[in-house]
Amino acid sequence: MAEINLESIMGLIMNAGEAKSNAMEAIAAAKSGEFALADRKLDAAHASLVEAHHAQTGLLTQEAQGEQLNITLLTVHSQDHLMTAITFVDLAKEIIDLYRCKS
């Protein structure tokens, strides 16, 4: 696997994991009534998702330019992390809104 591919794949995994962690912390903050902190954590989650998308775009650009990419279990794992993080952040927003309405 080329060095740049590994760097992009690890960027996907790390940033997606960071996004999911921040989303979880945002939910916990909202549950405690700390909505300003919840909003900051959601912002941080969104920023991590943007970075993960940059890593993904790098891989997609390589393939679109005709470079053959080796699809490994690590590649699939990175995409799984990204999709799970996106879903988690979206659900966290909804859960936080529910806590916000409840208070």
Protein backbone atom coordinates (compact mmCIF):
# COMPACT_ATOMS: atom_id res chain seq x y z
CA MET A 1 0.00 0.00 0.00
CA ALA A 2 1.41 3.36 -0.94
CA GLU A 3 2.45 5.67 1.88
CA ILE A 4 -0.09 8.34 0.89
CA ASN A 5 -2.91 5.78 0.90
CA LEU A 6 -2.03 4.64 4.40
CA GLU A 7 -1.86 8.25 5.57
CA SER A 8 -5.30 8.98 4.12
CA ILE A 9 -6.80 5.80 5.55
CA MET A 10 -5.42 6.50 9.01
CA GLY A 11 -6.67 10.09 8.72
CA LEU A 12 -10.14 8.75 8.04
CA ILE A 13 -10.05 6.42 11.03
CA MET A 14 -8.61 8.95 13.49
CA ASN A 15 -10.83 11.85 12.48
CA ALA A 16 -13.98 9.75 12.31
CA GLY A 17 -13.21 8.36 15.77
CA GLU A 18 -12.64 11.88 17.08
CA ALA A 19 -15.96 13.00 15.60
CA LYS A 20 -17.80 10.13 17.25
CA SER A 21 -16.13 10.80 20.61
CA ASN A 22 -17.03 14.48 20.48
CA ALA A 23 -20.62 13.63 19.56
CA MET A 24 -20.84 11.29 22.55
CA GLU A 25 -19.44 14.00 24.82
CA ALA A 26 -21.98 16.44 23.35
CA ILE A 27 -24.83 14.13 24.28
CA ALA A 28 -23.47 13.74 27.82
CA ALA A 29 -23.18 17.52 28.16
CA ALA A 30 -26.75 18.05 26.97
CA LYS A 31 -27.98 15.37 29.36
CA SER A 32 -26.40 17.42 32.16
CA GLY A 33 -28.01 20.60 30.86
CA GLU A 34 -24.70 22.05 29.60
CA PHE A 35 -25.95 23.08 26.17
CA ALA A 36 -23.14 25.53 25.39
CA LEU A 37 -20.63 22.71 25.92
CA ALA A 38 -22.79 20.36 23.87
CA ASP A 39 -22.78 22.86 21.01
CA ARG A 40 -18.98 23.23 21.19
CA LYS A 41 -18.57 19.46 21.14
CA LEU A 42 -20.87 19.20 18.12
CA ASP A 43 -18.81 21.88 16.38
CA ALA A 44 -15.66 19.89 17.13
CA ALA A 45 -17.33 16.73 15.82
CA HIS A 46 -18.26 18.53 12.62
CA ALA A 47 -14.68 19.81 12.21
CA SER A 48 -13.36 16.26 12.58
CA LEU A 49 -15.82 15.01 9.97
CA VAL A 50 -14.59 17.69 7.57
CA GLU A 51 -11.01 16.48 8.09
CA ALA A 52 -12.10 12.87 7.54
CA HIS A 53 -13.82 13.91 4.32
CA HIS A 54 -10.59 15.57 3.17
CA ALA A 55 -8.77 12.27 3.65
CA GLN A 56 -11.52 10.41 1.79
CA THR A 57 -11.47 12.95 -1.04
CA GLY A 58 -7.74 12.37 -1.44
CA LEU A 59 -8.36 8.68 -2.01
CA LEU A 60 -11.26 9.32 -4.38
CA THR A 61 -9.18 11.81 -6.37
CA GLN A 62 -6.37 9.29 -6.78
CA GLU A 63 -8.78 6.70 -8.12
CA ALA A 64 -10.53 9.21 -10.38
CA GLN A 65 -7.14 10.08 -11.87
CA GLY A 66 -6.66 6.46 -12.85
CA GLU A 67 -4.41 5.34 -10.03
CA GLN A 68 -5.22 1.78 -9.01
CA LEU A 69 -5.89 1.62 -5.27
CA ASN A 70 -5.48 -1.55 -3.28
CA ILE A 71 -8.67 -2.10 -1.33
CA THR A 72 -7.68 -3.70 1.94
CA LEU A 73 -9.55 -4.53 5.11
CA LEU A 74 -8.05 -1.35 6.56
CA THR A 75 -9.57 0.68 3.70
CA VAL A 76 -12.99 -0.85 4.30
CA HIS A 77 -12.58 -0.29 8.03
CA SER A 78 -11.85 3.40 7.48
CA GLN A 79 -14.99 3.86 5.39
CA ASP A 80 -17.03 2.05 8.02
CA HIS A 81 -15.67 4.40 10.69
CA LEU A 82 -16.58 7.44 8.61
CA MET A 83 -20.14 6.33 7.88
CA THR A 84 -20.71 5.36 11.52
CA ALA A 85 -19.37 8.72 12.70
CA ILE A 86 -21.59 10.65 10.29
CA THR A 87 -24.64 8.76 11.49
CA PHE A 88 -23.64 9.17 15.13
CA VAL A 89 -23.15 12.93 14.80
CA ASP A 90 -26.51 13.29 13.04
CA LEU A 91 -28.25 11.34 15.80
CA ALA A 92 -26.41 13.29 18.50
CA LYS A 93 -27.84 16.53 17.08
CA GLU A 94 -31.35 15.12 17.35
CA ILE A 95 -30.81 13.79 20.88
CA ILE A 96 -29.41 17.13 22.01
CA ASP A 97 -32.41 18.92 20.53
CA LEU A 98 -34.67 16.61 22.53
CA TYR A 99 -32.78 17.41 25.74
CA ARG A 100 -32.92 21.10 24.86
CA CYS A 101 -36.72 20.98 24.42
CA LYS A 102 -37.10 19.05 27.66
CA SER A 103 -35.30 21.68 29.75
